[in-house]
């Protein structure tokens, strides 16, 4: 089994992105699955192009995209990606699409193909805060999740894909009072646990446990 794990480069005012920092520290193999690590740019469309080239080269069985969600305290596998770019800030090349569809021929939304509830359970068992998220936002994180699922639905039916957000690192919140953060080693441990769940639940249905919210 091959799992492509992507992480974004720094964006906005930050000089570090916990996504790629954590991805770089993953082992080469988890529970027998080969881990293919890929840095992708925080840029609309270009991130998808870089990922697609890696898909064509490596032919992975799974894709796990990792991105930063400043302000969250837990690792949060995303349930759904929507067909909408609506950027609050410009990307790393100054692009700021507003109310634009990601794919004209795509569905309004695609649901994660990963066992998100098992991933949350495994991460909690590893003593890492985790919960299901029901919004991936409308920036490049949602963009790459949607594009990955678009590809698995349209071109690569044998691949399954999904996305997980992770918190700030402690050094990122020095000038962000009362903002949650998580140590890099804990983030890495959480991602490893999430990947272990993906491997264990290959070909199986996800856990049927509560993961919803009232708002």
Protein backbone atom coordinates (compact mmCIF):
# COMPACT_ATOMS: atom_id res chain seq x y z
CA UNK A 1 0.00 0.00 0.00
CA UNK A 2 1.14 3.54 -0.83
CA UNK A 3 -0.15 6.64 0.93
CA UNK A 4 0.58 10.08 -0.48
CA UNK A 5 0.73 12.63 2.34
CA UNK A 6 0.86 16.29 1.36
CA UNK A 7 1.66 19.38 3.42
CA UNK A 8 1.45 23.07 2.51
CA UNK A 9 4.32 25.54 2.60
CA UNK A 10 4.07 28.65 4.85
CA UNK A 11 1.54 31.33 3.93
CA UNK A 12 0.28 34.68 5.12
CA UNK A 13 2.42 36.24 7.84
CA UNK A 14 3.85 32.91 9.04
CA UNK A 15 7.34 31.74 8.17
CA UNK A 16 6.57 28.14 9.13
CA UNK A 17 3.69 25.79 8.37
CA UNK A 18 3.11 22.88 10.75
CA UNK A 19 1.63 20.88 7.89
CA UNK A 20 4.82 20.38 5.90
CA UNK A 21 6.96 20.32 9.05
CA UNK A 22 4.93 17.38 10.38
CA UNK A 23 4.79 15.59 7.04
CA UNK A 24 8.59 15.78 6.70
CA UNK A 25 8.97 14.04 10.08
CA UNK A 26 6.72 11.08 9.29
CA UNK A 27 8.43 7.69 9.05
CA UNK A 28 8.96 6.14 5.62
CA UNK A 29 6.58 3.32 6.50
CA UNK A 30 3.55 3.01 8.81
CA UNK A 31 2.02 -0.43 9.46
CA UNK A 32 3.51 -1.72 6.22
CA UNK A 33 2.28 1.21 4.10
CA UNK A 34 4.82 3.23 2.15
CA UNK A 35 4.57 6.93 3.00
CA UNK A 36 5.17 9.30 0.09
CA UNK A 37 5.73 12.88 1.31
CA UNK A 38 4.96 15.90 -0.83
CA UNK A 39 5.20 19.64 -0.21
CA UNK A 40 2.59 21.61 -2.10
CA UNK A 41 2.33 25.39 -2.59
CA UNK A 42 -0.38 27.39 -0.85
CA UNK A 43 -1.62 28.51 -4.24
CA UNK A 44 -4.96 27.90 -5.91
CA UNK A 45 -4.73 25.49 -8.87
CA UNK A 46 -0.94 25.15 -8.69
CA UNK A 47 -1.27 23.03 -5.53
CA UNK A 48 -3.57 20.69 -7.45
CA UNK A 49 -1.18 20.52 -10.39
CA UNK A 50 1.73 19.55 -8.14
CA UNK A 51 -0.35 16.90 -6.44
CA UNK A 52 -1.64 15.45 -9.71
CA UNK A 53 1.91 15.00 -10.99
CA UNK A 54 2.74 13.07 -7.82
CA UNK A 55 -0.36 10.92 -8.25
CA UNK A 56 0.65 10.07 -11.80
CA UNK A 57 4.21 9.26 -10.70
CA UNK A 58 3.50 7.22 -7.58
CA UNK A 59 -0.01 5.79 -8.16
CA UNK A 60 -0.89 5.83 -4.45
CA UNK A 61 -3.76 3.92 -2.87
CA UNK A 62 -4.64 6.78 -0.55
CA UNK A 63 -4.13 10.54 -0.38
CA UNK A 64 -4.06 12.38 2.94
CA UNK A 65 -3.75 16.15 2.60
CA UNK A 66 -2.59 18.03 5.70
CA UNK A 67 -3.18 21.75 6.31
CA UNK A 68 -2.96 24.35 9.06
CA UNK A 69 -6.10 25.60 10.79
CA UNK A 70 -4.97 28.33 13.15
CA UNK A 71 -7.25 28.58 16.17
CA UNK A 72 -8.21 24.92 16.37
CA UNK A 73 -6.97 22.96 19.36
CA UNK A 74 -7.31 19.46 17.87
CA UNK A 75 -6.39 17.44 14.80
CA UNK A 76 -9.51 17.47 12.68
CA UNK A 77 -10.17 15.10 9.77
CA UNK A 78 -12.53 16.89 7.41
CA UNK A 79 -15.87 15.36 6.46
CA UNK A 80 -16.61 17.33 3.28
CA UNK A 81 -15.12 19.65 0.65
CA UNK A 82 -17.28 22.14 -1.26
CA UNK A 83 -16.99 23.32 -4.84
CA UNK A 84 -16.22 26.91 -3.90
CA UNK A 85 -13.15 29.13 -3.73
CA UNK A 86 -13.79 32.20 -1.56
CA UNK A 87 -10.45 33.43 -0.29
CA UNK A 88 -10.34 35.65 2.81
CA UNK A 89 -6.70 36.46 2.04
CA UNK A 90 -4.58 36.14 -1.12
CA UNK A 91 -2.66 32.93 -1.69
CA UNK A 92 1.14 32.89 -1.99
CA UNK A 93 0.94 34.23 -5.55
CA UNK A 94 -1.52 36.99 -4.76
CA UNK A 95 -4.59 35.21 -6.14
CA UNK A 96 -7.82 35.79 -4.24
CA UNK A 97 -10.75 34.11 -5.99
CA UNK A 98 -14.17 35.07 -4.66
CA UNK A 99 -17.23 32.85 -5.12
CA UNK A 100 -15.62 30.82 -7.90
CA UNK A 101 -16.33 27.13 -8.53
CA UNK A 102 -13.29 24.88 -8.28
CA UNK A 103 -14.51 22.60 -11.07
CA UNK A 104 -17.34 23.54 -13.42
CA UNK A 105 -18.15 19.86 -14.01
CA UNK A 106 -17.72 18.83 -10.38
CA UNK A 107 -20.35 17.99 -7.78
CA UNK A 108 -21.42 20.71 -5.32
CA UNK A 109 -19.50 18.79 -2.66
CA UNK A 110 -17.53 15.58 -2.15
CA UNK A 111 -17.32 13.64 1.10
CA UNK A 112 -14.06 12.30 2.46
CA UNK A 113 -13.25 8.74 1.43
CA UNK A 114 -11.12 8.16 4.54
CA UNK A 115 -12.30 6.52 7.79
CA UNK A 116 -12.51 9.84 9.60
CA UNK A 117 -14.13 8.52 12.77
CA UNK A 118 -11.62 5.71 13.09
CA UNK A 119 -8.87 8.28 12.56
CA UNK A 120 -10.24 10.39 15.42
CA UNK A 121 -10.48 7.32 17.66
CA UNK A 122 -6.92 6.23 16.91
CA UNK A 123 -5.59 9.74 17.55
CA UNK A 124 -7.39 10.00 20.87
CA UNK A 125 -6.03 6.57 21.82
CA UNK A 126 -2.58 8.04 21.14
CA UNK A 127 -3.42 10.87 23.60
CA UNK A 128 -3.75 13.49 20.86
CA UNK A 129 -6.81 15.80 20.84
CA UNK A 130 -8.91 15.01 17.77
CA UNK A 131 -12.42 15.48 16.43
CA UNK A 132 -14.32 15.38 13.15
CA UNK A 133 -14.65 18.74 11.37
CA UNK A 134 -17.54 19.60 9.09
CA UNK A 135 -15.94 22.52 7.30
CA UNK A 136 -12.61 22.72 5.51
CA UNK A 137 -13.09 26.44 4.92
CA UNK A 138 -12.97 28.03 1.46
CA UNK A 139 -9.23 28.69 1.11
CA UNK A 140 -6.54 26.46 -0.45
CA UNK A 141 -7.13 23.66 2.08
CA UNK A 142 -10.68 23.12 0.87
CA UNK A 143 -9.44 23.64 -2.68
CA UNK A 144 -6.93 20.77 -2.52
CA UNK A 145 -9.34 18.47 -0.67
CA UNK A 146 -12.02 19.10 -3.27
CA UNK A 147 -9.60 18.67 -6.15
CA UNK A 148 -8.25 15.40 -4.70
CA UNK A 149 -11.76 13.99 -4.37
CA UNK A 150 -12.69 15.29 -7.82
CA UNK A 151 -9.77 13.30 -9.25
CA UNK A 152 -10.65 10.12 -7.34
CA UNK A 153 -14.23 10.39 -8.54
CA UNK A 154 -13.41 11.30 -12.15
CA UNK A 155 -10.02 9.79 -13.04
CA UNK A 156 -8.63 7.56 -10.30
CA UNK A 157 -11.44 5.37 -8.92
CA UNK A 158 -8.96 3.07 -7.18
CA UNK A 159 -7.60 5.89 -5.00
CA UNK A 160 -9.28 7.23 -1.86
CA UNK A 161 -8.62 10.72 -0.56
CA UNK A 162 -9.28 13.08 2.31
CA UNK A 163 -7.94 15.98 4.34
CA UNK A 164 -6.97 16.76 7.92
CA UNK A 165 -6.41 20.13 9.58
CA UNK A 166 -3.85 20.59 12.35
CA UNK A 167 -3.27 23.41 14.90
CA UNK A 168 -0.61 26.10 15.08
CA UNK A 169 2.80 25.29 16.52
CA UNK A 170 3.69 26.99 19.84
CA UNK A 171 6.14 29.36 18.15
CA UNK A 172 3.34 30.61 15.90
CA UNK A 173 1.19 31.86 18.78
CA UNK A 174 3.81 34.00 20.54
CA UNK A 175 2.03 37.11 19.28
CA UNK A 176 -1.43 35.51 19.14
CA UNK A 177 -2.66 35.64 22.75
CA UNK A 178 -5.09 32.93 23.91
CA UNK A 179 -4.67 30.97 20.68
CA UNK A 180 -4.40 27.17 20.88
CA UNK A 181 -1.27 25.39 19.67
CA UNK A 182 0.23 21.91 19.70
CA UNK A 183 3.80 20.63 19.89
CA UNK A 184 5.15 19.32 16.61
CA UNK A 185 5.94 15.89 18.08
CA UNK A 186 2.30 15.54 19.18
CA UNK A 187 1.05 16.54 15.74
CA UNK A 188 3.34 13.97 14.12
CA UNK A 189 2.16 11.29 16.55
CA UNK A 190 -1.42 12.15 15.72
CA UNK A 191 -0.87 11.94 11.98
CA UNK A 192 0.86 8.59 12.39
CA UNK A 193 -2.12 7.32 14.36
CA UNK A 194 -4.52 8.62 11.71
CA UNK A 195 -2.57 6.83 8.99
CA UNK A 196 -2.60 3.64 11.06
CA UNK A 197 -6.39 3.88 11.07
CA UNK A 198 -6.43 4.31 7.28
CA UNK A 199 -4.35 1.15 6.91
CA UNK A 200 -6.41 -0.87 9.39
CA UNK A 201 -9.71 0.17 7.83
CA UNK A 202 -8.66 -0.45 4.24
CA UNK A 203 -11.62 -2.10 2.56
CA UNK A 204 -13.79 -1.73 5.68
CA UNK A 205 -16.57 0.60 6.73
CA UNK A 206 -15.70 3.45 9.06
CA UNK A 207 -16.58 3.24 12.76
CA UNK A 208 -20.24 4.03 13.47
CA UNK A 209 -19.72 6.44 16.34
CA UNK A 210 -20.91 9.95 17.12
CA UNK A 211 -18.87 12.64 15.42
CA UNK A 212 -21.49 15.28 14.70
CA UNK A 213 -22.14 18.66 16.29
CA UNK A 214 -25.16 20.81 17.00
CA UNK A 215 -23.64 23.86 15.29
